[in-house]
């Protein structure tokens, strides 16, 4: 503001009548604000939604890098005996994870990344199911092995040439 604006503003403020505010003025203002508050804003993907998605992705990555629990050779009192079939699935799962880690490359195209991300999302759900059961579930372990086999196949496939062939046909 310049000096002339300050002078005009000062003059206008001096011309205002000197009125004492009502004793309950603050309560009236609070009541008006409270009446206006219930309006809900349209929710969009704000920072908290993106943060939740990022946290889910990190959790999925952590779960994929974790070693599945190794069954004990001797069952102690209070522990659950592991079926030989489930034990074989657990060992197959570990071997597939090792293969995937060895074959992974940092250079991945968008198509392959999307496929791998979808498979990893499903793996996360299976891992949550496995973590929530006290006794190893053969069906969940079989599904985990199936998904890891898909992930290994996708991670070893050159999707760039697949896309080029699809666009030529």
Protein backbone atom coordinates (compact mmCIF):
# COMPACT_ATOMS: atom_id res chain seq x y z
CA UNK A 1 0.00 0.00 0.00
CA UNK A 2 1.08 3.51 -0.64
CA UNK A 3 0.77 6.50 1.72
CA UNK A 4 -2.45 7.83 0.14
CA UNK A 5 -4.19 4.48 0.59
CA UNK A 6 -3.06 4.33 4.22
CA UNK A 7 -4.44 7.82 4.82
CA UNK A 8 -7.80 7.01 3.24
CA UNK A 9 -8.05 3.75 5.19
CA UNK A 10 -7.18 5.46 8.45
CA UNK A 11 -9.81 8.12 7.78
CA UNK A 12 -12.51 5.51 7.01
CA UNK A 13 -11.68 3.55 10.16
CA UNK A 14 -11.96 6.69 12.29
CA UNK A 15 -15.38 7.38 10.79
CA UNK A 16 -16.76 4.03 11.96
CA UNK A 17 -19.14 4.33 14.91
CA UNK A 18 -17.81 3.35 18.33
CA UNK A 19 -20.05 0.43 19.29
CA UNK A 20 -19.35 -2.05 22.04
CA UNK A 21 -19.64 -5.67 20.85
CA UNK A 22 -22.41 -7.76 22.35
CA UNK A 23 -21.44 -9.79 25.42
CA UNK A 24 -22.20 -13.08 23.63
CA UNK A 25 -20.61 -12.01 20.32
CA UNK A 26 -17.97 -14.73 20.37
CA UNK A 27 -20.56 -17.44 21.03
CA UNK A 28 -22.65 -16.15 18.10
CA UNK A 29 -19.63 -16.36 15.79
CA UNK A 30 -18.83 -19.89 16.98
CA UNK A 31 -22.45 -20.96 16.40
CA UNK A 32 -22.39 -19.59 12.85
CA UNK A 33 -19.13 -21.39 12.12
CA UNK A 34 -20.53 -24.64 13.57
CA UNK A 35 -23.59 -24.37 11.31
CA UNK A 36 -21.38 -23.93 8.26
CA UNK A 37 -18.95 -26.74 9.24
CA UNK A 38 -21.05 -29.86 8.42
CA UNK A 39 -20.66 -29.29 4.71
CA UNK A 40 -18.45 -32.08 3.51
CA UNK A 41 -15.82 -31.53 0.89
CA UNK A 42 -15.69 -33.75 -2.13
CA UNK A 43 -12.88 -36.19 -1.41
CA UNK A 44 -10.19 -36.52 -3.98
CA UNK A 45 -6.92 -38.36 -3.91
CA UNK A 46 -5.20 -36.17 -1.40
CA UNK A 47 -1.86 -36.76 0.26
CA UNK A 48 -3.21 -39.34 2.70
CA UNK A 49 -4.65 -41.54 -0.06
CA UNK A 50 -1.38 -41.48 -1.98
CA UNK A 51 0.48 -42.17 1.23
CA UNK A 52 -1.70 -45.24 1.83
CA UNK A 53 -1.03 -46.55 -1.67
CA UNK A 54 2.70 -45.97 -1.25
CA UNK A 55 2.67 -47.76 2.10
CA UNK A 56 0.88 -50.73 0.49
CA UNK A 57 3.51 -50.90 -2.24
CA UNK A 58 6.31 -50.82 0.34
CA UNK A 59 4.60 -53.54 2.38
CA UNK A 60 4.27 -55.69 -0.75
CA UNK A 61 7.96 -55.22 -1.54
CA UNK A 62 8.97 -56.09 2.02
CA UNK A 63 6.80 -59.18 2.09
CA UNK A 64 8.25 -60.36 -1.22
CA UNK A 65 11.81 -60.02 0.01
CA UNK A 66 11.17 -61.82 3.29
CA UNK A 67 12.06 -65.45 3.60
CA UNK A 68 9.02 -67.61 4.33
CA UNK A 69 9.12 -69.28 7.73
CA UNK A 70 11.29 -72.37 7.81
CA UNK A 71 9.56 -75.34 9.37
CA UNK A 72 11.25 -76.95 12.34
CA UNK A 73 12.58 -80.44 11.81
CA UNK A 74 11.34 -81.51 15.23
CA UNK A 75 7.90 -80.49 16.41
CA UNK A 76 8.10 -79.07 19.90
CA UNK A 77 5.09 -79.04 22.22
CA UNK A 78 2.70 -76.28 21.20
CA UNK A 79 3.96 -76.18 17.60
CA UNK A 80 2.01 -77.35 14.58
CA UNK A 81 3.26 -80.31 12.57
CA UNK A 82 3.88 -79.41 8.93
CA UNK A 83 2.65 -81.75 6.24
CA UNK A 84 5.39 -83.02 3.87
CA UNK A 85 3.43 -81.65 0.90
CA UNK A 86 3.29 -78.18 2.48
CA UNK A 87 6.98 -78.39 3.34
CA UNK A 88 7.75 -79.16 -0.33
CA UNK A 89 5.66 -76.14 -1.40
CA UNK A 90 7.52 -73.91 1.08
CA UNK A 91 10.88 -75.08 -0.26
CA UNK A 92 9.70 -74.58 -3.87
CA UNK A 93 8.56 -71.06 -2.93
CA UNK A 94 12.01 -70.25 -1.50
CA UNK A 95 13.74 -71.60 -4.60
CA UNK A 96 11.50 -69.56 -6.91
CA UNK A 97 12.14 -66.39 -4.92
CA UNK A 98 15.89 -66.97 -5.22
CA UNK A 99 15.54 -67.50 -9.00
CA UNK A 100 13.52 -64.30 -9.34
CA UNK A 101 16.06 -62.28 -7.33
CA UNK A 102 18.92 -63.58 -9.48
CA UNK A 103 17.05 -62.90 -12.75
CA UNK A 104 15.71 -59.45 -11.87
CA UNK A 105 17.05 -56.54 -13.87
CA UNK A 106 16.65 -52.86 -13.07
CA UNK A 107 15.64 -52.07 -16.68
CA UNK A 108 11.95 -52.99 -16.99
CA UNK A 109 9.46 -51.66 -19.53
CA UNK A 110 6.02 -50.40 -18.49
CA UNK A 111 4.14 -53.45 -19.74
CA UNK A 112 6.29 -55.91 -17.80
CA UNK A 113 6.23 -53.66 -14.74
CA UNK A 114 2.42 -53.63 -14.81
CA UNK A 115 2.24 -57.43 -15.05
CA UNK A 116 4.81 -57.92 -12.28
CA UNK A 117 3.00 -55.40 -10.05
CA UNK A 118 -0.32 -57.21 -10.53
CA UNK A 119 1.24 -60.55 -9.63
CA UNK A 120 2.99 -59.02 -6.61
CA UNK A 121 -0.34 -57.56 -5.43
CA UNK A 122 -1.84 -61.05 -5.51
CA UNK A 123 1.23 -62.43 -3.71
CA UNK A 124 0.74 -59.84 -0.99
CA UNK A 125 -2.81 -61.04 -0.41
CA UNK A 126 -1.64 -64.66 -0.22
CA UNK A 127 1.14 -63.69 2.20
CA UNK A 128 -1.37 -61.88 4.41
CA UNK A 129 -3.49 -65.05 4.42
CA UNK A 130 -0.46 -67.16 5.31
CA UNK A 131 0.51 -64.81 8.12
CA UNK A 132 -2.98 -64.90 9.59
CA UNK A 133 -3.22 -68.69 9.89
CA UNK A 134 -1.67 -70.66 12.74
CA UNK A 135 -1.27 -73.85 10.71
CA UNK A 136 0.37 -73.73 7.25
CA UNK A 137 -2.38 -73.87 4.63
CA UNK A 138 -1.58 -76.10 1.65
CA UNK A 139 -3.95 -74.21 -0.67
CA UNK A 140 -2.34 -70.84 0.11
CA UNK A 141 1.17 -72.23 -0.31
CA UNK A 142 0.21 -73.83 -3.62
CA UNK A 143 -1.23 -70.49 -4.79
CA UNK A 144 1.94 -68.71 -3.65
CA UNK A 145 4.11 -71.13 -5.66
CA UNK A 146 1.85 -70.69 -8.72
CA UNK A 147 2.13 -66.90 -8.52
CA UNK A 148 5.90 -67.04 -8.04
CA UNK A 149 6.19 -69.28 -11.11
CA UNK A 150 4.19 -66.70 -13.09
CA UNK A 151 6.38 -63.91 -11.74
CA UNK A 152 9.55 -65.81 -12.67
CA UNK A 153 8.23 -66.40 -16.19
CA UNK A 154 7.32 -62.73 -16.62
CA UNK A 155 10.64 -61.53 -15.18
CA UNK A 156 12.53 -63.69 -17.69
CA UNK A 157 10.38 -62.69 -20.69
CA UNK A 158 11.43 -59.92 -23.06
CA UNK A 159 8.12 -58.06 -23.27
CA UNK A 160 9.57 -55.47 -25.64
CA UNK A 161 9.78 -58.00 -28.48
CA UNK A 162 6.33 -59.35 -27.56
CA UNK A 163 4.85 -55.88 -27.95
CA UNK A 164 6.66 -55.38 -31.25
CA UNK A 165 5.33 -58.69 -32.58
CA UNK A 166 1.79 -57.86 -31.42
CA UNK A 167 1.87 -54.50 -33.19
CA UNK A 168 3.11 -56.07 -36.46
CA UNK A 169 0.42 -58.80 -36.56
